[in-house]
Amino acid sequence: MTRAIERLQQRNRRLLHAAKSHPSTTQSPAGRIFLLLDTASSNRPYHIEDLSYGCMEMIPDPTLLIAAILQWACSCYREGVHRTYLAIRLLRKWNHLGADVYDGILSYLRDLHWVGTGDPSIIFRIVAELVRSKTFAAGRYLQWLIATGSLQSNADLVSVSTVT
């Protein structure tokens, strides 16, 4: 069992090294952002402003940019709590620059293709932190949840409210 894990880790390191040394020119803008964020979050110091503007240059549309950041942060193929905090810092920065973070997050939540490859608890943490910092409107979000019927169809939210 340990041998199999070692081989898998060697393979992952080899593939990661190959991806970093030969970036594809045909890679999608979201893929380039993922690579940029993976590089920035690898225990090296980074400047949030440089990272923010770098991401905005790759995807100028705020809604698509926010979706890419949330997809990266919520991906079940990546590990680390740092993803949540980096995504929150970027979203706050873009909100400060005038991007409609609220609309971008709701657009991401409406599009359910992320559910199969993402961890919903991370998006809830991101939204909760943005609400706490007054970057995201909690009242509007609750209205949206009620209007879309999201509270009725999600058993996890219902079970949480019955436990307390």
C-alpha atoms as a PDB file:
ATOM      1  CA  MET A   1       0.000   0.000   0.000  1.00  0.00           C
ATOM      2  CA  THR A   2       2.805   2.432   0.879  1.00  0.00           C
ATOM      3  CA  ARG A   3       4.586   1.641  -2.354  1.00  0.00           C
ATOM      4  CA  ALA A   4       1.486   2.516  -4.371  1.00  0.00           C
ATOM      5  CA  ILE A   5       1.134   5.834  -2.540  1.00  0.00           C
ATOM      6  CA  GLU A   6       4.821   6.652  -3.162  1.00  0.00           C
ATOM      7  CA  ARG A   7       4.452   5.912  -6.885  1.00  0.00           C
ATOM      8  CA  LEU A   8       1.343   8.072  -7.039  1.00  0.00           C
ATOM      9  CA  GLN A   9       3.118  10.964  -5.298  1.00  0.00           C
ATOM     10  CA  GLN A  10       6.102  10.638  -7.681  1.00  0.00           C
ATOM     11  CA  ARG A  11       3.749  10.694 -10.659  1.00  0.00           C
ATOM     12  CA  ASN A  12       1.943  13.777  -9.341  1.00  0.00           C
ATOM     13  CA  ARG A  13       5.237  15.617  -8.761  1.00  0.00           C
ATOM     14  CA  ARG A  14       6.407  14.715 -12.267  1.00  0.00           C
ATOM     15  CA  LEU A  15       3.168  15.912 -13.847  1.00  0.00           C
ATOM     16  CA  LEU A  16       3.117  19.081 -11.774  1.00  0.00           C
ATOM     17  CA  HIS A  17       6.717  19.850 -12.730  1.00  0.00           C
ATOM     18  CA  ALA A  18       5.958  19.243 -16.414  1.00  0.00           C
ATOM     19  CA  ALA A  19       2.912  21.527 -16.280  1.00  0.00           C
ATOM     20  CA  LYS A  20       4.898  24.333 -14.646  1.00  0.00           C
ATOM     21  CA  SER A  21       7.888  24.077 -16.971  1.00  0.00           C
ATOM     22  CA  HIS A  22       5.859  23.937 -20.215  1.00  0.00           C
ATOM     23  CA  PRO A  23       2.774  26.135 -19.861  1.00  0.00           C
ATOM     24  CA  SER A  24       0.418  25.587 -22.740  1.00  0.00           C
ATOM     25  CA  THR A  25      -0.366  28.515 -24.983  1.00  0.00           C
ATOM     26  CA  THR A  26      -3.742  26.960 -25.716  1.00  0.00           C
ATOM     27  CA  GLN A  27      -4.688  26.742 -22.037  1.00  0.00           C
ATOM     28  CA  SER A  28      -7.962  28.449 -21.171  1.00  0.00           C
ATOM     29  CA  PRO A  29      -7.922  31.718 -19.208  1.00  0.00           C
ATOM     30  CA  ALA A  30      -9.414  29.890 -16.215  1.00  0.00           C
ATOM     31  CA  GLY A  31      -6.642  27.282 -16.455  1.00  0.00           C
ATOM     32  CA  ARG A  32      -4.018  30.031 -16.446  1.00  0.00           C
ATOM     33  CA  ILE A  33      -5.670  31.568 -13.376  1.00  0.00           C
ATOM     34  CA  PHE A  34      -5.661  28.176 -11.645  1.00  0.00           C
ATOM     35  CA  LEU A  35      -1.942  27.854 -12.363  1.00  0.00           C
ATOM     36  CA  LEU A  36      -1.315  31.399 -11.119  1.00  0.00           C
ATOM     37  CA  LEU A  37      -3.253  30.762  -7.896  1.00  0.00           C
ATOM     38  CA  ASP A  38      -1.618  27.370  -7.347  1.00  0.00           C
ATOM     39  CA  THR A  39       1.777  29.018  -7.725  1.00  0.00           C
ATOM     40  CA  ALA A  40       0.837  31.924  -5.446  1.00  0.00           C
ATOM     41  CA  SER A  41      -0.424  29.622  -2.733  1.00  0.00           C
ATOM     42  CA  SER A  42       2.679  27.423  -2.613  1.00  0.00           C
ATOM     43  CA  ASN A  43       4.133  28.930   0.595  1.00  0.00           C
ATOM     44  CA  ARG A  44       5.804  31.831  -1.167  1.00  0.00           C
ATOM     45  CA  PRO A  45       5.051  35.446  -0.389  1.00  0.00           C
ATOM     46  CA  TYR A  46       2.819  37.200  -2.894  1.00  0.00           C
ATOM     47  CA  HIS A  47       1.254  40.618  -3.270  1.00  0.00           C
ATOM     48  CA  ILE A  48      -2.525  40.477  -3.373  1.00  0.00           C
ATOM     49  CA  GLU A  49      -2.660  43.519  -5.644  1.00  0.00           C
ATOM     50  CA  ASP A  50      -0.352  41.942  -8.232  1.00  0.00           C
ATOM     51  CA  LEU A  51      -2.293  38.690  -8.054  1.00  0.00           C
ATOM     52  CA  SER A  52      -5.597  40.525  -8.318  1.00  0.00           C
ATOM     53  CA  TYR A  53      -4.589  42.546 -11.375  1.00  0.00           C
ATOM     54  CA  GLY A  54      -2.972  39.493 -12.978  1.00  0.00           C
ATOM     55  CA  CYS A  55      -6.245  37.587 -12.698  1.00  0.00           C
ATOM     56  CA  MET A  56      -8.242  40.558 -14.036  1.00  0.00           C
ATOM     57  CA  GLU A  57      -5.966  40.757 -17.074  1.00  0.00           C
ATOM     58  CA  MET A  58      -6.592  37.086 -17.882  1.00  0.00           C
ATOM     59  CA  ILE A  59     -10.389  37.300 -17.499  1.00  0.00           C
ATOM     60  CA  PRO A  60     -11.707  40.878 -17.729  1.00  0.00           C
ATOM     61  CA  ASP A  61     -15.374  39.861 -17.216  1.00  0.00           C
ATOM     62  CA  PRO A  62     -15.993  40.026 -13.423  1.00  0.00           C
ATOM     63  CA  THR A  63     -18.702  37.337 -13.432  1.00  0.00           C
ATOM     64  CA  LEU A  64     -16.469  34.829 -15.233  1.00  0.00           C
ATOM     65  CA  LEU A  65     -13.487  35.817 -13.102  1.00  0.00           C
ATOM     66  CA  ILE A  66     -15.397  35.299  -9.846  1.00  0.00           C
ATOM     67  CA  ALA A  67     -16.661  31.938 -11.118  1.00  0.00           C
ATOM     68  CA  ALA A  68     -13.088  30.862 -11.913  1.00  0.00           C
ATOM     69  CA  ILE A  69     -11.850  31.888  -8.457  1.00  0.00           C
ATOM     70  CA  LEU A  70     -14.711  30.083  -6.719  1.00  0.00           C
ATOM     71  CA  GLN A  71     -14.170  27.001  -8.857  1.00  0.00           C
ATOM     72  CA  TRP A  72     -10.487  26.990  -7.876  1.00  0.00           C
ATOM     73  CA  ALA A  73     -11.247  27.540  -4.195  1.00  0.00           C
ATOM     74  CA  CYS A  74     -13.971  24.871  -4.002  1.00  0.00           C
ATOM     75  CA  SER A  75     -12.256  22.227  -6.109  1.00  0.00           C
ATOM     76  CA  CYS A  76     -12.036  18.808  -4.517  1.00  0.00           C
ATOM     77  CA  TYR A  77      -8.818  18.271  -6.507  1.00  0.00           C
ATOM     78  CA  ARG A  78      -6.892  20.792  -4.397  1.00  0.00           C
ATOM     79  CA  GLU A  79      -6.147  20.865  -0.699  1.00  0.00           C
ATOM     80  CA  GLY A  80      -5.627  23.525   1.906  1.00  0.00           C
ATOM     81  CA  VAL A  81      -7.574  26.088   3.847  1.00  0.00           C
ATOM     82  CA  HIS A  82      -5.438  28.789   2.267  1.00  0.00           C
ATOM     83  CA  ARG A  83      -7.605  28.561  -0.858  1.00  0.00           C
ATOM     84  CA  THR A  84     -10.588  29.913   1.057  1.00  0.00           C
ATOM     85  CA  TYR A  85      -8.658  32.850   2.470  1.00  0.00           C
ATOM     86  CA  LEU A  86      -6.976  33.699  -0.811  1.00  0.00           C
ATOM     87  CA  ALA A  87     -10.337  33.646  -2.612  1.00  0.00           C
ATOM     88  CA  ILE A  88     -11.871  35.873   0.071  1.00  0.00           C
ATOM     89  CA  ARG A  89      -9.026  38.393  -0.191  1.00  0.00           C
ATOM     90  CA  LEU A  90      -9.344  38.507  -3.984  1.00  0.00           C
ATOM     91  CA  LEU A  91     -13.125  38.899  -3.852  1.00  0.00           C
ATOM     92  CA  ARG A  92     -12.835  41.724  -1.315  1.00  0.00           C
ATOM     93  CA  LYS A  93     -10.214  43.434  -3.487  1.00  0.00           C
ATOM     94  CA  TRP A  94     -12.403  43.206  -6.592  1.00  0.00           C
ATOM     95  CA  ASN A  95     -15.417  44.450  -4.642  1.00  0.00           C
ATOM     96  CA  HIS A  96     -13.345  47.443  -3.557  1.00  0.00           C
ATOM     97  CA  LEU A  97     -12.431  48.034  -7.218  1.00  0.00           C
ATOM     98  CA  GLY A  98     -16.127  48.074  -8.196  1.00  0.00           C
ATOM     99  CA  ALA A  99     -16.841  44.508  -9.345  1.00  0.00           C
ATOM    100  CA  ASP A 100     -20.281  43.162  -8.441  1.00  0.00           C
ATOM    101  CA  VAL A 101     -19.131  40.290  -6.225  1.00  0.00           C
ATOM    102  CA  TYR A 102     -22.669  39.573  -5.071  1.00  0.00           C
ATOM    103  CA  ASP A 103     -23.944  39.002  -8.604  1.00  0.00           C
ATOM    104  CA  GLY A 104     -20.858  36.969  -9.519  1.00  0.00           C
ATOM    105  CA  ILE A 105     -21.336  34.605  -6.571  1.00  0.00           C
ATOM    106  CA  LEU A 106     -25.049  34.174  -7.267  1.00  0.00           C
ATOM    107  CA  SER A 107     -24.293  33.421 -10.921  1.00  0.00           C
ATOM    108  CA  TYR A 108     -21.844  30.759  -9.774  1.00  0.00           C
ATOM    109  CA  LEU A 109     -24.385  29.272  -7.363  1.00  0.00           C
ATOM    110  CA  ARG A 110     -27.103  29.248 -10.043  1.00  0.00           C
ATOM    111  CA  ASP A 111     -24.890  27.249 -12.376  1.00  0.00           C
ATOM    112  CA  LEU A 112     -24.920  23.810 -10.785  1.00  0.00           C
ATOM    113  CA  HIS A 113     -22.124  22.224 -12.852  1.00  0.00           C
ATOM    114  CA  TRP A 114     -19.675  22.893  -9.995  1.00  0.00           C
ATOM    115  CA  VAL A 115     -21.516  20.627  -7.538  1.00  0.00           C
ATOM    116  CA  GLY A 116     -19.949  17.426  -8.888  1.00  0.00           C
ATOM    117  CA  THR A 117     -16.354  18.609  -8.547  1.00  0.00           C
ATOM    118  CA  GLY A 118     -16.646  21.140  -5.743  1.00  0.00           C
ATOM    119  CA  ASP A 119     -17.011  21.216  -1.982  1.00  0.00           C
ATOM    120  CA  PRO A 120     -20.135  23.223  -1.077  1.00  0.00           C
ATOM    121  CA  SER A 121     -18.911  23.806   2.478  1.00  0.00           C
ATOM    122  CA  ILE A 122     -16.074  25.957   1.130  1.00  0.00           C
ATOM    123  CA  ILE A 123     -18.434  28.228  -0.798  1.00  0.00           C
ATOM    124  CA  PHE A 124     -20.546  28.577   2.340  1.00  0.00           C
ATOM    125  CA  ARG A 125     -17.432  29.573   4.321  1.00  0.00           C
ATOM    126  CA  ILE A 126     -16.505  32.120   1.669  1.00  0.00           C
ATOM    127  CA  VAL A 127     -20.011  33.615   1.662  1.00  0.00           C
ATOM    128  CA  ALA A 128     -20.110  33.661   5.479  1.00  0.00           C
ATOM    129  CA  GLU A 129     -16.801  35.524   5.684  1.00  0.00           C
ATOM    130  CA  LEU A 130     -17.890  37.991   2.998  1.00  0.00           C
ATOM    131  CA  VAL A 131     -21.129  38.601   4.926  1.00  0.00           C
ATOM    132  CA  ARG A 132     -19.140  39.136   8.125  1.00  0.00           C
ATOM    133  CA  SER A 133     -16.941  41.714   6.426  1.00  0.00           C
ATOM    134  CA  LYS A 134     -19.985  43.414   4.844  1.00  0.00           C
ATOM    135  CA  THR A 135     -18.818  42.578   1.325  1.00  0.00           C
ATOM    136  CA  PHE A 136     -21.842  40.378   0.616  1.00  0.00           C
ATOM    137  CA  ALA A 137     -25.478  41.279   1.350  1.00  0.00           C
ATOM    138  CA  ALA A 138     -26.926  38.619   3.661  1.00  0.00           C
ATOM    139  CA  GLY A 139     -30.509  39.872   3.290  1.00  0.00           C
ATOM    140  CA  ARG A 140     -30.401  39.760  -0.490  1.00  0.00           C
ATOM    141  CA  TYR A 141     -28.824  36.284  -0.323  1.00  0.00           C
ATOM    142  CA  LEU A 142     -31.604  34.989   1.950  1.00  0.00           C
ATOM    143  CA  GLN A 143     -34.211  36.490  -0.380  1.00  0.00           C
ATOM    144  CA  TRP A 144     -32.537  34.707  -3.286  1.00  0.00           C
ATOM    145  CA  LEU A 145     -32.484  31.396  -1.363  1.00  0.00           C
ATOM    146  CA  ILE A 146     -36.182  31.700  -0.550  1.00  0.00           C
ATOM    147  CA  ALA A 147     -37.170  32.861  -4.045  1.00  0.00           C
ATOM    148  CA  THR A 148     -35.354  29.986  -5.742  1.00  0.00           C
ATOM    149  CA  GLY A 149     -36.653  27.398  -3.282  1.00  0.00           C
ATOM    150  CA  SER A 150     -33.112  26.418  -2.361  1.00  0.00           C
ATOM    151  CA  LEU A 151     -33.956  26.003   1.307  1.00  0.00           C
ATOM    152  CA  GLN A 152     -36.725  23.495   0.610  1.00  0.00           C
ATOM    153  CA  SER A 153     -34.713  21.191  -1.626  1.00  0.00           C
ATOM    154  CA  ASN A 154     -31.485  21.107   0.419  1.00  0.00           C
ATOM    155  CA  ALA A 155     -31.763  18.506   3.172  1.00  0.00           C
ATOM    156  CA  ASP A 156     -28.439  19.531   4.740  1.00  0.00           C
ATOM    157  CA  LEU A 157     -29.672  23.035   5.537  1.00  0.00           C
ATOM    158  CA  VAL A 158     -32.916  21.670   6.930  1.00  0.00           C
ATOM    159  CA  SER A 159     -31.159  19.119   9.152  1.00  0.00           C
ATOM    160  CA  VAL A 160     -28.856  21.804  10.574  1.00  0.00           C
ATOM    161  CA  SER A 161     -31.821  23.930  11.636  1.00  0.00           C
ATOM    162  CA  THR A 162     -33.554  20.994  13.380  1.00  0.00           C
ATOM    163  CA  VAL A 163     -30.463  20.058  15.396  1.00  0.00           C
ATOM    164  CA  THR A 164     -30.104  23.415  17.152  1.00  0.00           C
END
